[in-house]
Amino acid sequence: MNNDIIRYVLEQSGGLLIAVILIVRMEAKLDGLTSEITRLTDTLTRHLILFSQSGKSEK
């Protein structure tokens, strides 16, 4: 009986460890994606501001 309980606990802890590793990897990838989206937004904003300023100076 004790061996069955120990085996069950070990199997569950192995599954939990795999889940935690996958979550950490996903979090790192999402952090990278967030950084790239922020960089893209900053670049687009900068270009839109420059475009709108150049349009005003031509008038």
N, C-alpha and C. Protein backbone atom coordinates (compact mmCIF):
# COMPACT_ATOMS: atom_id res chain seq x y z
N MET A 1 0.83 -1.20 0.00
CA MET A 1 0.00 0.00 0.00
C MET A 1 0.87 1.26 0.00
N ASN A 2 1.89 1.31 0.84
CA ASN A 2 2.76 2.48 0.90
C ASN A 2 3.50 2.69 -0.42
N ASN A 3 3.91 1.59 -1.06
CA ASN A 3 4.60 1.71 -2.34
C ASN A 3 3.70 2.33 -3.40
N ASP A 4 2.42 1.97 -3.38
CA ASP A 4 1.48 2.54 -4.35
C ASP A 4 1.32 4.04 -4.13
N ILE A 5 1.24 4.45 -2.89
CA ILE A 5 1.10 5.88 -2.57
C ILE A 5 2.34 6.64 -3.00
N ILE A 6 3.50 6.09 -2.71
CA ILE A 6 4.76 6.75 -3.08
C ILE A 6 4.87 6.84 -4.60
N ARG A 7 4.52 5.77 -5.30
CA ARG A 7 4.58 5.78 -6.76
C ARG A 7 3.61 6.83 -7.33
N TYR A 8 2.42 6.90 -6.77
CA TYR A 8 1.43 7.87 -7.23
C TYR A 8 1.93 9.30 -7.02
N VAL A 9 2.48 9.58 -5.85
CA VAL A 9 3.00 10.92 -5.55
C VAL A 9 4.14 11.27 -6.49
N LEU A 10 5.03 10.33 -6.76
CA LEU A 10 6.15 10.59 -7.68
C LEU A 10 5.66 10.85 -9.10
N GLU A 11 4.67 10.10 -9.55
CA GLU A 11 4.12 10.32 -10.89
C GLU A 11 3.48 11.71 -10.99
N GLN A 12 2.75 12.09 -9.97
CA GLN A 12 2.09 13.39 -9.99
C GLN A 12 3.10 14.53 -9.91
N SER A 13 4.14 14.36 -9.12
CA SER A 13 5.14 15.42 -9.01
C SER A 13 5.92 15.56 -10.31
N GLY A 14 6.14 14.46 -11.02
CA GLY A 14 6.79 14.53 -12.33
C GLY A 14 5.95 15.31 -13.32
N GLY A 15 4.65 15.06 -13.33
CA GLY A 15 3.75 15.81 -14.20
C GLY A 15 3.71 17.28 -13.84
N LEU A 16 3.73 17.58 -12.57
CA LEU A 16 3.73 18.97 -12.12
C LEU A 16 5.01 19.67 -12.54
N LEU A 17 6.13 18.99 -12.43
CA LEU A 17 7.41 19.57 -12.84
C LEU A 17 7.42 19.89 -14.33
N ILE A 18 6.90 18.98 -15.14
CA ILE A 18 6.82 19.23 -16.59
C ILE A 18 5.93 20.44 -16.86
N ALA A 19 4.80 20.53 -16.19
CA ALA A 19 3.89 21.66 -16.39
C ALA A 19 4.55 22.98 -16.01
N VAL A 20 5.28 23.01 -14.91
CA VAL A 20 5.96 24.24 -14.49
C VAL A 20 7.02 24.64 -15.51
N ILE A 21 7.78 23.68 -16.01
CA ILE A 21 8.80 23.99 -17.03
C ILE A 21 8.16 24.58 -18.27
N LEU A 22 7.05 23.99 -18.72
CA LEU A 22 6.37 24.50 -19.91
C LEU A 22 5.82 25.90 -19.69
N ILE A 23 5.28 26.16 -18.51
CA ILE A 23 4.74 27.49 -18.21
C ILE A 23 5.85 28.52 -18.20
N VAL A 24 6.99 28.19 -17.63
CA VAL A 24 8.12 29.12 -17.58
C VAL A 24 8.62 29.42 -18.99
N ARG A 25 8.69 28.40 -19.83
CA ARG A 25 9.13 28.62 -21.22
C ARG A 25 8.14 29.50 -21.97
N MET A 26 6.84 29.26 -21.77
CA MET A 26 5.83 30.10 -22.43
C MET A 26 5.92 31.54 -21.95
N GLU A 27 6.16 31.72 -20.66
CA GLU A 27 6.27 33.07 -20.11
C GLU A 27 7.44 33.82 -20.75
N ALA A 28 8.55 33.14 -20.93
CA ALA A 28 9.71 33.78 -21.55
C ALA A 28 9.41 34.17 -22.99
N LYS A 29 8.72 33.31 -23.71
CA LYS A 29 8.38 33.63 -25.10
C LYS A 29 7.38 34.78 -25.16
N LEU A 30 6.43 34.83 -24.24
CA LEU A 30 5.47 35.93 -24.21
C LEU A 30 6.15 37.25 -23.85
N ASP A 31 7.14 37.20 -22.96
CA ASP A 31 7.90 38.41 -22.64
C ASP A 31 8.61 38.94 -23.87
N GLY A 32 9.20 38.04 -24.66
CA GLY A 32 9.86 38.45 -25.89
C GLY A 32 8.88 39.04 -26.88
N LEU A 33 7.71 38.42 -27.00
CA LEU A 33 6.67 38.93 -27.91
C LEU A 33 6.20 40.31 -27.47
N THR A 34 6.00 40.50 -26.18
CA THR A 34 5.58 41.79 -25.66
C THR A 34 6.62 42.86 -25.96
N SER A 35 7.88 42.53 -25.80
CA SER A 35 8.95 43.49 -26.09
C SER A 35 8.96 43.88 -27.56
N GLU A 36 8.77 42.91 -28.44
CA GLU A 36 8.77 43.20 -29.88
C GLU A 36 7.55 44.04 -30.27
N ILE A 37 6.40 43.76 -29.68
CA ILE A 37 5.20 44.55 -29.97
C ILE A 37 5.39 45.98 -29.49
N THR A 38 5.99 46.16 -28.33
CA THR A 38 6.27 47.50 -27.81
C THR A 38 7.23 48.25 -28.73
N ARG A 39 8.27 47.56 -29.19
CA ARG A 39 9.24 48.18 -30.10
C ARG A 39 8.57 48.57 -31.42
N LEU A 40 7.71 47.70 -31.94
CA LEU A 40 7.00 47.98 -33.18
C LEU A 40 6.06 49.17 -33.02
N THR A 41 5.35 49.23 -31.90
CA THR A 41 4.45 50.35 -31.64
C THR A 41 5.22 51.66 -31.54
N ASP A 42 6.36 51.65 -30.85
CA ASP A 42 7.18 52.85 -30.75
C ASP A 42 7.67 53.30 -32.12
N THR A 43 8.10 52.36 -32.94
CA THR A 43 8.59 52.69 -34.28
C THR A 43 7.48 53.27 -35.13
N LEU A 44 6.31 52.64 -35.11
CA LEU A 44 5.18 53.14 -35.89
C LEU A 44 4.75 54.53 -35.42
N THR A 45 4.72 54.74 -34.13
CA THR A 45 4.35 56.05 -33.58
C THR A 45 5.34 57.11 -34.03
N ARG A 46 6.62 56.80 -33.95
CA ARG A 46 7.65 57.75 -34.37
C ARG A 46 7.49 58.10 -35.85
N HIS A 47 7.24 57.11 -36.69
CA HIS A 47 7.07 57.36 -38.12
C HIS A 47 5.79 58.16 -38.41
N LEU A 48 4.73 57.87 -37.68
CA LEU A 48 3.48 58.62 -37.89
C LEU A 48 3.65 60.08 -37.48
N ILE A 49 4.36 60.32 -36.39
CA ILE A 49 4.60 61.70 -35.95
C ILE A 49 5.44 62.43 -36.99
N LEU A 50 6.50 61.79 -37.47
CA LEU A 50 7.33 62.43 -38.49
C LEU A 50 6.54 62.69 -39.76
N PHE A 51 5.69 61.75 -40.16
CA PHE A 51 4.88 61.91 -41.36
C PHE A 51 3.89 63.06 -41.20
N SER A 52 3.26 63.15 -40.03
CA SER A 52 2.28 64.22 -39.83
C SER A 52 2.98 65.58 -39.75
N GLN A 53 4.18 65.63 -39.19
CA GLN A 53 4.92 66.90 -39.12
C GLN A 53 5.39 67.32 -40.50
N SER A 54 5.80 66.38 -41.33
CA SER A 54 6.25 66.74 -42.67
C SER A 54 5.07 67.19 -43.52
N GLY A 55 3.90 66.65 -43.28
CA GLY A 55 2.70 67.08 -44.00
C GLY A 55 2.29 68.49 -43.63
N LYS A 56 2.46 68.87 -42.38
CA LYS A 56 2.12 70.23 -41.93
C LYS A 56 3.10 71.25 -42.49
N SER A 57 4.36 70.88 -42.60
CA SER A 57 5.36 71.84 -43.08
C SER A 57 5.21 72.10 -44.58
N GLU A 58 4.60 71.18 -45.33
CA GLU A 58 4.41 71.37 -46.76
C GLU A 58 3.26 72.32 -47.05
N LYS A 59 2.34 72.50 -46.13
CA LYS A 59 1.15 73.34 -46.37
C LYS A 59 1.46 74.79 -46.26
